[in-house]
């Protein structure tokens, strides 16, 4: 795999992981909310963060896997 492809895959993994971490933090905050409307809005944000993370991981898998060239 080329260095560029490897770096791109790692970057996508990091972004997906950050989205998942953010979703967990927002979920913890939403569970403490007494305002039901705000709580529902936060749950939608959580869903989008997790959906984006899943889509990023799928994108990562579609990146071409290049074998190193041998002389």
PDB file of N, CA and C in Angstrom:
ATOM      1  N   UNK A   1       0.846  -1.163   0.000  1.00  0.00           N
ATOM      2  CA  UNK A   1       0.000   0.000   0.000  1.00  0.00           C
ATOM      3  C   UNK A   1       0.898   1.235   0.000  1.00  0.00           C
ATOM      4  N   UNK A   2       0.535   2.217  -0.783  1.00  0.00           N
ATOM      5  CA  UNK A   2       1.360   3.419  -0.868  1.00  0.00           C
ATOM      6  C   UNK A   2       1.263   4.220   0.428  1.00  0.00           C
ATOM      7  N   UNK A   3       2.245   5.052   0.616  1.00  0.00           N
ATOM      8  CA  UNK A   3       2.278   5.882   1.822  1.00  0.00           C
ATOM      9  C   UNK A   3       1.062   6.805   1.876  1.00  0.00           C
ATOM     10  N   UNK A   4       0.688   7.357   0.731  1.00  0.00           N
ATOM     11  CA  UNK A   4      -0.468   8.252   0.668  1.00  0.00           C
ATOM     12  C   UNK A   4      -1.744   7.516   1.055  1.00  0.00           C
ATOM     13  N   UNK A   5      -1.933   6.317   0.524  1.00  0.00           N
ATOM     14  CA  UNK A   5      -3.122   5.529   0.848  1.00  0.00           C
ATOM     15  C   UNK A   5      -3.143   5.181   2.329  1.00  0.00           C
ATOM     16  N   UNK A   6      -1.996   4.813   2.866  1.00  0.00           N
ATOM     17  CA  UNK A   6      -1.901   4.474   4.287  1.00  0.00           C
ATOM     18  C   UNK A   6      -2.247   5.682   5.152  1.00  0.00           C
ATOM     19  N   UNK A   7      -1.708   6.839   4.796  1.00  0.00           N
ATOM     20  CA  UNK A   7      -1.975   8.068   5.546  1.00  0.00           C
ATOM     21  C   UNK A   7      -3.452   8.441   5.460  1.00  0.00           C
ATOM     22  N   UNK A   8      -4.033   8.296   4.278  1.00  0.00           N
ATOM     23  CA  UNK A   8      -5.453   8.604   4.096  1.00  0.00           C
ATOM     24  C   UNK A   8      -6.314   7.681   4.946  1.00  0.00           C
ATOM     25  N   UNK A   9      -6.003   6.397   4.944  1.00  0.00           N
ATOM     26  CA  UNK A   9      -6.761   5.438   5.758  1.00  0.00           C
ATOM     27  C   UNK A   9      -6.664   5.781   7.247  1.00  0.00           C
ATOM     28  N   UNK A  10      -5.470   6.119   7.707  1.00  0.00           N
ATOM     29  CA  UNK A  10      -5.284   6.470   9.117  1.00  0.00           C
ATOM     30  C   UNK A  10      -6.064   7.729   9.466  1.00  0.00           C
ATOM     31  N   UNK A  11      -6.046   8.713   8.576  1.00  0.00           N
ATOM     32  CA  UNK A  11      -6.771   9.960   8.817  1.00  0.00           C
ATOM     33  C   UNK A  11      -8.268   9.703   8.907  1.00  0.00           C
ATOM     34  N   UNK A  12      -8.791   8.886   8.011  1.00  0.00           N
ATOM     35  CA  UNK A  12     -10.213   8.544   8.045  1.00  0.00           C
ATOM     36  C   UNK A  12     -10.552   7.833   9.348  1.00  0.00           C
ATOM     37  N   UNK A  13      -9.706   6.908   9.779  1.00  0.00           N
ATOM     38  CA  UNK A  13      -9.932   6.210  11.048  1.00  0.00           C
ATOM     39  C   UNK A  13      -9.967   7.176  12.225  1.00  0.00           C
ATOM     40  N   UNK A  14      -9.049   8.131  12.241  1.00  0.00           N
ATOM     41  CA  UNK A  14      -8.986   9.102  13.337  1.00  0.00           C
ATOM     42  C   UNK A  14     -10.249   9.957  13.360  1.00  0.00           C
ATOM     43  N   UNK A  15     -10.683  10.425  12.197  1.00  0.00           N
ATOM     44  CA  UNK A  15     -11.886  11.258  12.135  1.00  0.00           C
ATOM     45  C   UNK A  15     -13.107  10.463  12.588  1.00  0.00           C
ATOM     46  N   UNK A  16     -13.235   9.225  12.137  1.00  0.00           N
ATOM     47  CA  UNK A  16     -14.362   8.382  12.546  1.00  0.00           C
ATOM     48  C   UNK A  16     -14.338   8.152  14.053  1.00  0.00           C
ATOM     49  N   UNK A  17     -13.172   7.902  14.590  1.00  0.00           N
ATOM     50  CA  UNK A  17     -13.032   7.694  16.032  1.00  0.00           C
ATOM     51  C   UNK A  17     -13.416   8.950  16.812  1.00  0.00           C
ATOM     52  N   UNK A  18     -13.000  10.107  16.314  1.00  0.00           N
ATOM     53  CA  UNK A  18     -13.357  11.368  16.978  1.00  0.00           C
ATOM     54  C   UNK A  18     -14.867  11.594  16.937  1.00  0.00           C
ATOM     55  N   UNK A  19     -15.507  11.248  15.828  1.00  0.00           N
ATOM     56  CA  UNK A  19     -16.964  11.368  15.748  1.00  0.00           C
ATOM     57  C   UNK A  19     -17.637  10.473  16.789  1.00  0.00           C
ATOM     58  N   UNK A  20     -17.153   9.254  16.923  1.00  0.00           N
ATOM     59  CA  UNK A  20     -17.734   8.330  17.900  1.00  0.00           C
ATOM     60  C   UNK A  20     -17.513   8.825  19.328  1.00  0.00           C
ATOM     61  N   UNK A  21     -16.331   9.345  19.609  1.00  0.00           N
ATOM     62  CA  UNK A  21     -16.050   9.896  20.939  1.00  0.00           C
ATOM     63  C   UNK A  21     -16.947  11.090  21.238  1.00  0.00           C
ATOM     64  N   UNK A  22     -17.134  11.953  20.248  1.00  0.00           N
ATOM     65  CA  UNK A  22     -18.003  13.120  20.424  1.00  0.00           C
ATOM     66  C   UNK A  22     -19.444  12.676  20.659  1.00  0.00           C
ATOM     67  N   UNK A  23     -19.889  11.661  19.940  1.00  0.00           N
ATOM     68  CA  UNK A  23     -21.250  11.153  20.116  1.00  0.00           C
ATOM     69  C   UNK A  23     -21.455  10.647  21.542  1.00  0.00           C
ATOM     70  N   UNK A  24     -20.468   9.963  22.090  1.00  0.00           N
ATOM     71  CA  UNK A  24     -20.580   9.478  23.472  1.00  0.00           C
ATOM     72  C   UNK A  24     -20.651  10.629  24.465  1.00  0.00           C
ATOM     73  N   UNK A  25     -19.837  11.649  24.256  1.00  0.00           N
ATOM     74  CA  UNK A  25     -19.844  12.807  25.159  1.00  0.00           C
ATOM     75  C   UNK A  25     -21.187  13.527  25.100  1.00  0.00           C
ATOM     76  N   UNK A  26     -21.719  13.700  23.898  1.00  0.00           N
ATOM     77  CA  UNK A  26     -23.014  14.366  23.748  1.00  0.00           C
ATOM     78  C   UNK A  26     -24.117  13.499  24.354  1.00  0.00           C
ATOM     79  N   UNK A  27     -24.010  12.183  24.214  1.00  0.00           N
ATOM     80  CA  UNK A  27     -25.019  11.288  24.783  1.00  0.00           C
ATOM     81  C   UNK A  27     -25.051  11.402  26.307  1.00  0.00           C
ATOM     82  N   UNK A  28     -23.879  11.451  26.915  1.00  0.00           N
ATOM     83  CA  UNK A  28     -23.829  11.602  28.374  1.00  0.00           C
ATOM     84  C   UNK A  28     -24.479  12.908  28.803  1.00  0.00           C
ATOM     85  N   UNK A  29     -24.221  13.971  28.054  1.00  0.00           N
ATOM     86  CA  UNK A  29     -24.822  15.269  28.374  1.00  0.00           C
ATOM     87  C   UNK A  29     -26.334  15.227  28.155  1.00  0.00           C
ATOM     88  N   UNK A  30     -26.771  14.610  27.069  1.00  0.00           N
ATOM     89  CA  UNK A  30     -28.202  14.548  26.753  1.00  0.00           C
ATOM     90  C   UNK A  30     -28.974  13.774  27.814  1.00  0.00           C
ATOM     91  N   UNK A  31     -28.364  12.747  28.375  1.00  0.00           N
ATOM     92  CA  UNK A  31     -29.037  11.954  29.402  1.00  0.00           C
ATOM     93  C   UNK A  31     -29.318  12.765  30.660  1.00  0.00           C
ATOM     94  N   UNK A  32     -28.561  13.836  30.866  1.00  0.00           N
ATOM     95  CA  UNK A  32     -28.746  14.680  32.052  1.00  0.00           C
ATOM     96  C   UNK A  32     -29.699  15.848  31.804  1.00  0.00           C
ATOM     97  N   UNK A  33     -30.139  16.011  30.563  1.00  0.00           N
ATOM     98  CA  UNK A  33     -30.996  17.139  30.206  1.00  0.00           C
ATOM     99  C   UNK A  33     -32.422  16.907  30.685  1.00  0.00           C
ATOM    100  N   UNK A  34     -33.021  17.968  31.181  1.00  0.00           N
ATOM    101  CA  UNK A  34     -34.435  17.879  31.554  1.00  0.00           C
ATOM    102  C   UNK A  34     -35.323  18.447  30.452  1.00  0.00           C
ATOM    103  N   UNK A  35     -34.756  19.275  29.586  1.00  0.00           N
ATOM    104  CA  UNK A  35     -35.488  19.861  28.461  1.00  0.00           C
ATOM    105  C   UNK A  35     -35.622  18.801  27.367  1.00  0.00           C
ATOM    106  N   UNK A  36     -36.830  18.287  27.189  1.00  0.00           N
ATOM    107  CA  UNK A  36     -37.049  17.171  26.264  1.00  0.00           C
ATOM    108  C   UNK A  36     -36.782  17.550  24.806  1.00  0.00           C
ATOM    109  N   UNK A  37     -37.121  18.769  24.414  1.00  0.00           N
ATOM    110  CA  UNK A  37     -36.877  19.197  23.038  1.00  0.00           C
ATOM    111  C   UNK A  37     -35.376  19.243  22.746  1.00  0.00           C
ATOM    112  N   UNK A  38     -34.620  19.841  23.649  1.00  0.00           N
ATOM    113  CA  UNK A  38     -33.168  19.898  23.479  1.00  0.00           C
ATOM    114  C   UNK A  38     -32.572  18.492  23.485  1.00  0.00           C
ATOM    115  N   UNK A  39     -33.099  17.663  24.331  1.00  0.00           N
ATOM    116  CA  UNK A  39     -32.621  16.278  24.421  1.00  0.00           C
ATOM    117  C   UNK A  39     -32.815  15.540  23.091  1.00  0.00           C
ATOM    118  N   UNK A  40     -33.992  15.705  22.492  1.00  0.00           N
ATOM    119  CA  UNK A  40     -34.266  15.059  21.207  1.00  0.00           C
ATOM    120  C   UNK A  40     -33.357  15.602  20.105  1.00  0.00           C
ATOM    121  N   UNK A  41     -33.086  16.905  20.136  1.00  0.00           N
ATOM    122  CA  UNK A  41     -32.175  17.490  19.156  1.00  0.00           C
ATOM    123  C   UNK A  41     -30.770  16.906  19.316  1.00  0.00           C
ATOM    124  N   UNK A  42     -30.337  16.742  20.557  1.00  0.00           N
ATOM    125  CA  UNK A  42     -29.018  16.160  20.804  1.00  0.00           C
ATOM    126  C   UNK A  42     -28.955  14.706  20.345  1.00  0.00           C
ATOM    127  N   UNK A  43     -30.043  13.965  20.529  1.00  0.00           N
ATOM    128  CA  UNK A  43     -30.059  12.577  20.067  1.00  0.00           C
ATOM    129  C   UNK A  43     -29.948  12.501  18.541  1.00  0.00           C
ATOM    130  N   UNK A  44     -30.524  13.484  17.840  1.00  0.00           N
ATOM    131  CA  UNK A  44     -30.373  13.531  16.381  1.00  0.00           C
ATOM    132  C   UNK A  44     -28.919  13.807  16.001  1.00  0.00           C
ATOM    133  N   UNK A  45     -28.273  14.700  16.747  1.00  0.00           N
ATOM    134  CA  UNK A  45     -26.851  14.993  16.510  1.00  0.00           C
ATOM    135  C   UNK A  45     -26.016  13.737  16.750  1.00  0.00           C
ATOM    136  N   UNK A  46     -26.315  13.028  17.819  1.00  0.00           N
ATOM    137  CA  UNK A  46     -25.606  11.785  18.144  1.00  0.00           C
ATOM    138  C   UNK A  46     -25.749  10.786  16.997  1.00  0.00           C
ATOM    139  N   UNK A  47     -26.965  10.654  16.505  1.00  0.00           N
ATOM    140  CA  UNK A  47     -27.215   9.723  15.402  1.00  0.00           C
ATOM    141  C   UNK A  47     -26.404  10.115  14.169  1.00  0.00           C
ATOM    142  N   UNK A  48     -26.374  11.409  13.851  1.00  0.00           N
ATOM    143  CA  UNK A  48     -25.611  11.870  12.682  1.00  0.00           C
ATOM    144  C   UNK A  48     -24.115  11.629  12.857  1.00  0.00           C
ATOM    145  N   UNK A  49     -23.597  11.873  14.060  1.00  0.00           N
ATOM    146  CA  UNK A  49     -22.172  11.633  14.309  1.00  0.00           C
ATOM    147  C   UNK A  49     -21.826  10.159  14.107  1.00  0.00           C
ATOM    148  N   UNK A  50     -22.668   9.281  14.646  1.00  0.00           N
ATOM    149  CA  UNK A  50     -22.422   7.844  14.490  1.00  0.00           C
ATOM    150  C   UNK A  50     -22.591   7.398  13.040  1.00  0.00           C
ATOM    151  N   UNK A  51     -23.585   7.961  12.352  1.00  0.00           N
ATOM    152  CA  UNK A  51     -23.793   7.624  10.944  1.00  0.00           C
ATOM    153  C   UNK A  51     -22.599   8.073  10.104  1.00  0.00           C
ATOM    154  N   UNK A  52     -22.109   9.275  10.367  1.00  0.00           N
ATOM    155  CA  UNK A  52     -20.934   9.773   9.642  1.00  0.00           C
ATOM    156  C   UNK A  52     -19.717   8.887   9.892  1.00  0.00           C
ATOM    157  N   UNK A  53     -19.540   8.454  11.134  1.00  0.00           N
ATOM    158  CA  UNK A  53     -18.412   7.577  11.459  1.00  0.00           C
ATOM    159  C   UNK A  53     -18.519   6.261  10.687  1.00  0.00           C
ATOM    160  N   UNK A  54     -19.723   5.711  10.629  1.00  0.00           N
ATOM    161  CA  UNK A  54     -19.922   4.456   9.901  1.00  0.00           C
ATOM    162  C   UNK A  54     -19.646   4.644   8.407  1.00  0.00           C
ATOM    163  N   UNK A  55     -20.099   5.765   7.849  1.00  0.00           N
ATOM    164  CA  UNK A  55     -19.866   6.025   6.430  1.00  0.00           C
ATOM    165  C   UNK A  55     -18.382   6.242   6.139  1.00  0.00           C
ATOM    166  N   UNK A  56     -17.678   6.890   7.054  1.00  0.00           N
ATOM    167  CA  UNK A  56     -16.240   7.076   6.878  1.00  0.00           C
ATOM    168  C   UNK A  56     -15.516   5.731   6.876  1.00  0.00           C
ATOM    169  N   UNK A  57     -15.928   4.840   7.759  1.00  0.00           N
ATOM    170  CA  UNK A  57     -15.290   3.519   7.807  1.00  0.00           C
ATOM    171  C   UNK A  57     -15.575   2.719   6.523  1.00  0.00           C
ATOM    172  N   UNK A  58     -16.787   2.877   5.975  1.00  0.00           N
ATOM    173  CA  UNK A  58     -17.084   2.233   4.691  1.00  0.00           C
ATOM    174  C   UNK A  58     -16.231   2.831   3.577  1.00  0.00           C
ATOM    175  N   UNK A  59     -16.089   4.142   3.588  1.00  0.00           N
ATOM    176  CA  UNK A  59     -15.249   4.820   2.598  1.00  0.00           C
ATOM    177  C   UNK A  59     -13.817   4.315   2.677  1.00  0.00           C
ATOM    178  N   UNK A  60     -13.333   4.155   3.881  1.00  0.00           N
ATOM    179  CA  UNK A  60     -11.961   3.666   4.091  1.00  0.00           C
ATOM    180  C   UNK A  60     -11.770   2.318   3.414  1.00  0.00           C
ATOM    181  N   UNK A  61     -12.771   1.469   3.513  1.00  0.00           N
ATOM    182  CA  UNK A  61     -12.668   0.130   2.930  1.00  0.00           C
ATOM    183  C   UNK A  61     -12.704   0.155   1.406  1.00  0.00           C
ATOM    184  N   UNK A  62     -13.239   1.223   0.816  1.00  0.00           N
ATOM    185  CA  UNK A  62     -13.304   1.288  -0.644  1.00  0.00           C
ATOM    186  C   UNK A  62     -12.034   1.863  -1.258  1.00  0.00           C
ATOM    187  N   UNK A  63     -11.146   2.398  -0.432  1.00  0.00           N
ATOM    188  CA  UNK A  63      -9.897   2.947  -0.960  1.00  0.00           C
ATOM    189  C   UNK A  63      -9.068   1.827  -1.568  1.00  0.00           C
ATOM    190  N   UNK A  64      -8.424   2.118  -2.687  1.00  0.00           N
ATOM    191  CA  UNK A  64      -7.620   1.071  -3.333  1.00  0.00           C
ATOM    192  C   UNK A  64      -6.490   0.595  -2.429  1.00  0.00           C
ATOM    193  N   UNK A  65      -6.308  -0.683  -2.437  1.00  0.00           N
ATOM    194  CA  UNK A  65      -5.247  -1.307  -1.655  1.00  0.00           C
ATOM    195  C   UNK A  65      -4.125  -1.636  -2.620  1.00  0.00           C
ATOM    196  N   UNK A  66      -3.078  -0.845  -2.570  1.00  0.00           N
ATOM    197  CA  UNK A  66      -1.971  -1.013  -3.513  1.00  0.00           C
ATOM    198  C   UNK A  66      -0.875  -1.871  -2.898  1.00  0.00           C
ATOM    199  N   UNK A  67      -0.461  -2.856  -3.648  1.00  0.00           N
ATOM    200  CA  UNK A  67       0.655  -3.696  -3.217  1.00  0.00           C
ATOM    201  C   UNK A  67       1.959  -2.965  -3.514  1.00  0.00           C
ATOM    202  N   UNK A  68       2.958  -3.115  -2.658  1.00  0.00           N
ATOM    203  CA  UNK A  68       4.251  -2.493  -2.952  1.00  0.00           C
ATOM    204  C   UNK A  68       4.855  -3.083  -4.224  1.00  0.00           C
ATOM    205  N   UNK A  69       5.500  -2.226  -4.978  1.00  0.00           N
ATOM    206  CA  UNK A  69       6.141  -2.692  -6.215  1.00  0.00           C
ATOM    207  C   UNK A  69       7.459  -3.379  -5.884  1.00  0.00           C
ATOM    208  N   UNK A  70       7.705  -4.462  -6.580  1.00  0.00           N
ATOM    209  CA  UNK A  70       8.961  -5.196  -6.373  1.00  0.00           C
ATOM    210  C   UNK A  70       9.841  -5.043  -7.597  1.00  0.00           C
ATOM    211  N   UNK A  71      11.107  -4.929  -7.346  1.00  0.00           N
ATOM    212  CA  UNK A  71      12.063  -4.751  -8.459  1.00  0.00           C
ATOM    213  C   UNK A  71      12.419  -6.070  -9.090  1.00  0.00           C
TER     214      UNK A  71
END
